[in-house]
C-alpha atoms as a PDB file:
ATOM      1  CA  MET A   1       0.000   0.000   0.000  1.00  0.00           C
ATOM      2  CA  SER A   2       1.285   3.456  -0.845  1.00  0.00           C
ATOM      3  CA  VAL A   3       0.588   6.771   0.845  1.00  0.00           C
ATOM      4  CA  THR A   4       1.479  10.310  -0.202  1.00  0.00           C
ATOM      5  CA  LEU A   5       3.269  12.815   1.986  1.00  0.00           C
ATOM      6  CA  LYS A   6       0.789  15.511   2.990  1.00  0.00           C
ATOM      7  CA  PRO A   7       1.521  19.259   2.866  1.00  0.00           C
ATOM      8  CA  LYS A   8       1.867  19.403   6.672  1.00  0.00           C
ATOM      9  CA  ASN A   9       4.767  16.908   6.419  1.00  0.00           C
ATOM     10  CA  GLU A  10       2.729  14.131   8.046  1.00  0.00           C
ATOM     11  CA  ILE A  11       2.278  10.582   6.871  1.00  0.00           C
ATOM     12  CA  THR A  12      -0.917   8.816   7.883  1.00  0.00           C
ATOM     13  CA  ILE A  13      -0.846   5.081   8.478  1.00  0.00           C
ATOM     14  CA  PRO A  14      -3.899   3.615   6.739  1.00  0.00           C
ATOM     15  CA  LYS A  15      -6.497   1.967   8.978  1.00  0.00           C
ATOM     16  CA  SER A  16      -6.072  -1.462   7.368  1.00  0.00           C
ATOM     17  CA  ILE A  17      -2.314  -1.380   8.105  1.00  0.00           C
ATOM     18  CA  ARG A  18      -2.890  -0.219  11.706  1.00  0.00           C
ATOM     19  CA  ARG A  19      -5.391  -3.046  12.202  1.00  0.00           C
ATOM     20  CA  LYS A  20      -3.008  -5.682  10.785  1.00  0.00           C
ATOM     21  CA  ALA A  21      -0.178  -4.381  12.988  1.00  0.00           C
ATOM     22  CA  GLY A  22      -2.389  -4.253  16.088  1.00  0.00           C
ATOM     23  CA  ILE A  23      -1.829  -0.514  16.514  1.00  0.00           C
ATOM     24  CA  LYS A  24      -4.299   1.142  18.880  1.00  0.00           C
ATOM     25  CA  HIS A  25      -5.003   4.747  19.812  1.00  0.00           C
ATOM     26  CA  GLY A  26      -2.494   5.899  22.422  1.00  0.00           C
ATOM     27  CA  ASP A  27       0.281   3.455  21.439  1.00  0.00           C
ATOM     28  CA  GLN A  28       3.784   4.949  21.463  1.00  0.00           C
ATOM     29  CA  PHE A  29       6.535   4.320  18.919  1.00  0.00           C
ATOM     30  CA  ASP A  30      10.227   4.792  18.287  1.00  0.00           C
ATOM     31  CA  PHE A  31      11.436   5.745  14.814  1.00  0.00           C
ATOM     32  CA  ARG A  32      14.738   4.535  13.384  1.00  0.00           C
ATOM     33  CA  VAL A  33      16.207   5.840  10.164  1.00  0.00           C
ATOM     34  CA  SER A  34      18.731   4.037   7.979  1.00  0.00           C
ATOM     35  CA  GLY A  35      19.331   5.819   4.685  1.00  0.00           C
ATOM     36  CA  ARG A  36      15.907   6.319   3.134  1.00  0.00           C
ATOM     37  CA  VAL A  37      14.297   3.583   5.233  1.00  0.00           C
ATOM     38  CA  ILE A  38      12.216   4.548   8.273  1.00  0.00           C
ATOM     39  CA  SER A  39      11.356   1.804  10.778  1.00  0.00           C
ATOM     40  CA  ILE A  40       8.471   2.290  13.193  1.00  0.00           C
ATOM     41  CA  ILE A  41       8.965   0.261  16.360  1.00  0.00           C
ATOM     42  CA  PRO A  42       6.277   0.084  19.059  1.00  0.00           C
ATOM     43  CA  LYS A  43       7.433   0.927  22.564  1.00  0.00           C
ATOM     44  CA  LEU A  44       6.844  -2.033  24.846  1.00  0.00           C
ATOM     45  CA  SER A  45       4.938  -1.922  28.125  1.00  0.00           C
ATOM     46  CA  PRO A  46       6.834  -2.993  31.285  1.00  0.00           C
ATOM     47  CA  ASP A  47       5.207  -6.450  31.075  1.00  0.00           C
ATOM     48  CA  GLU A  48       6.151  -6.801  27.415  1.00  0.00           C
ATOM     49  CA  LEU A  49       9.723  -5.684  28.203  1.00  0.00           C
ATOM     50  CA  GLN A  50       9.964  -8.375  30.891  1.00  0.00           C
ATOM     51  CA  ASP A  51       8.567 -10.990  28.497  1.00  0.00           C
ATOM     52  CA  GLU A  52      11.032  -9.885  25.818  1.00  0.00           C
ATOM     53  CA  SER A  53      14.015 -10.141  28.187  1.00  0.00           C
ATOM     54  CA  GLU A  54      12.853 -13.549  29.459  1.00  0.00           C
ATOM     55  CA  ILE A  55      12.482 -14.873  25.909  1.00  0.00           C
ATOM     56  CA  ARG A  56      16.104 -13.916  25.240  1.00  0.00           C
ATOM     57  CA  ASP A  57      17.296 -15.873  28.325  1.00  0.00           C
ATOM     58  CA  PRO A  58      18.895 -19.133  27.093  1.00  0.00           C
ATOM     59  CA  LYS A  59      17.520 -21.109  30.072  1.00  0.00           C
ATOM     60  CA  ILE A  60      13.965 -19.988  29.369  1.00  0.00           C
ATOM     61  CA  ARG A  61      14.375 -20.652  25.640  1.00  0.00           C
ATOM     62  CA  ALA A  62      15.478 -24.208  26.511  1.00  0.00           C
ATOM     63  CA  ILE A  63      12.378 -24.706  28.699  1.00  0.00           C
ATOM     64  CA  ILE A  64      10.146 -23.421  25.902  1.00  0.00           C
ATOM     65  CA  ARG A  65      11.816 -25.769  23.378  1.00  0.00           C
ATOM     66  CA  GLU A  66      11.401 -28.696  25.787  1.00  0.00           C
ATOM     67  CA  GLY A  67       7.726 -27.899  26.329  1.00  0.00           C
ATOM     68  CA  PHE A  68       7.149 -27.567  22.597  1.00  0.00           C
ATOM     69  CA  GLN A  69       8.839 -30.901  21.973  1.00  0.00           C
ATOM     70  CA  GLU A  70       6.580 -32.521  24.608  1.00  0.00           C
ATOM     71  CA  PHE A  71       3.607 -31.018  22.784  1.00  0.00           C
ATOM     72  CA  LEU A  72       4.841 -32.435  19.460  1.00  0.00           C
ATOM     73  CA  ASP A  73       5.367 -35.837  21.132  1.00  0.00           C
ATOM     74  CA  GLY A  74       1.734 -35.818  22.294  1.00  0.00           C
ATOM     75  CA  LYS A  75       2.577 -35.436  25.988  1.00  0.00           C
ATOM     76  CA  THR A  76      -0.164 -32.902  26.589  1.00  0.00           C
ATOM     77  CA  ARG A  77      -3.428 -32.940  28.502  1.00  0.00           C
ATOM     78  CA  PRO A  78      -6.508 -30.738  28.644  1.00  0.00           C
ATOM     79  CA  ALA A  79      -6.430 -27.802  31.051  1.00  0.00           C
ATOM     80  CA  GLU A  80      -9.356 -29.295  33.005  1.00  0.00           C
ATOM     81  CA  MET A  81      -7.311 -32.414  33.747  1.00  0.00           C
ATOM     82  CA  LEU A  82      -4.375 -30.309  34.943  1.00  0.00           C
ATOM     83  CA  GLN A  83      -6.708 -28.278  37.183  1.00  0.00           C
ATOM     84  CA  LYS A  84      -8.079 -31.458  38.787  1.00  0.00           C
ATOM     85  CA  GLU A  85      -4.546 -32.758  39.378  1.00  0.00           C
ATOM     86  CA  LEU A  86      -3.541 -29.470  41.002  1.00  0.00           C
ATOM     87  CA  GLU A  87      -6.624 -29.492  43.237  1.00  0.00           C
ATOM     88  CA  LYS A  88      -5.937 -33.103  44.253  1.00  0.00           C
ATOM     89  CA  THR A  89      -2.321 -32.241  45.079  1.00  0.00           C
ATOM     90  CA  ALA A  90      -3.420 -29.229  47.139  1.00  0.00           C
ATOM     91  CA  GLN A  91      -5.903 -31.375  49.099  1.00  0.00           C
ATOM     92  CA  THR A  92      -3.274 -34.056  49.704  1.00  0.00           C
ATOM     93  CA  GLN A  93      -0.800 -31.488  51.006  1.00  0.00           C
ATOM     94  CA  ALA A  94      -3.415 -29.836  53.226  1.00  0.00           C
ATOM     95  CA  ALA A  95      -4.683 -33.105  54.773  1.00  0.00           C
ATOM     96  CA  PRO A  96      -1.573 -34.030  56.847  1.00  0.00           C
ATOM     97  CA  LYS A  97      -1.365 -30.507  58.258  1.00  0.00           C
ATOM     98  CA  SER A  98      -4.951 -30.646  59.532  1.00  0.00           C
ATOM     99  CA  SER A  99      -4.350 -34.068  61.166  1.00  0.00           C
ATOM    100  CA  ALA A 100      -1.261 -32.787  62.975  1.00  0.00           C
ATOM    101  CA  SER A 101      -3.094 -29.707  64.233  1.00  0.00           C
ATOM    102  CA  GLN A 102      -5.962 -31.885  65.518  1.00  0.00           C
ATOM    103  CA  ARG A 103      -3.478 -34.063  67.461  1.00  0.00           C
ATOM    104  CA  ARG A 104      -1.985 -30.940  69.051  1.00  0.00           C
ATOM    105  CA  ARG A 105      -5.410 -29.712  70.134  1.00  0.00           C
ATOM    106  CA  LYS A 106      -6.209 -33.088  71.783  1.00  0.00           C
ATOM    107  CA  ALA A 107      -2.930 -33.082  73.738  1.00  0.00           C
END
């Protein structure tokens, strides 16, 4: 898509391009210039910056690769099954504590 420079020296990003790029009102950007090429780079929120730095961490990248390989190998389960397992584990861990506290009360 082409746009024409307006008399006020402003270039408008067409709505279809903004939509495809996920650009919303209020977003902030950095501009980088190399020769006659202008790059528009969105500024990241603090959460996005943290995600970006974590993704670059070799340890985290290894964990992501391992998880993806498990997915490809079919070692996945529905979220509901995981939730039930977590609830069961939480109940199992809580049960011995309540028994010990009951013994202390009796003594």
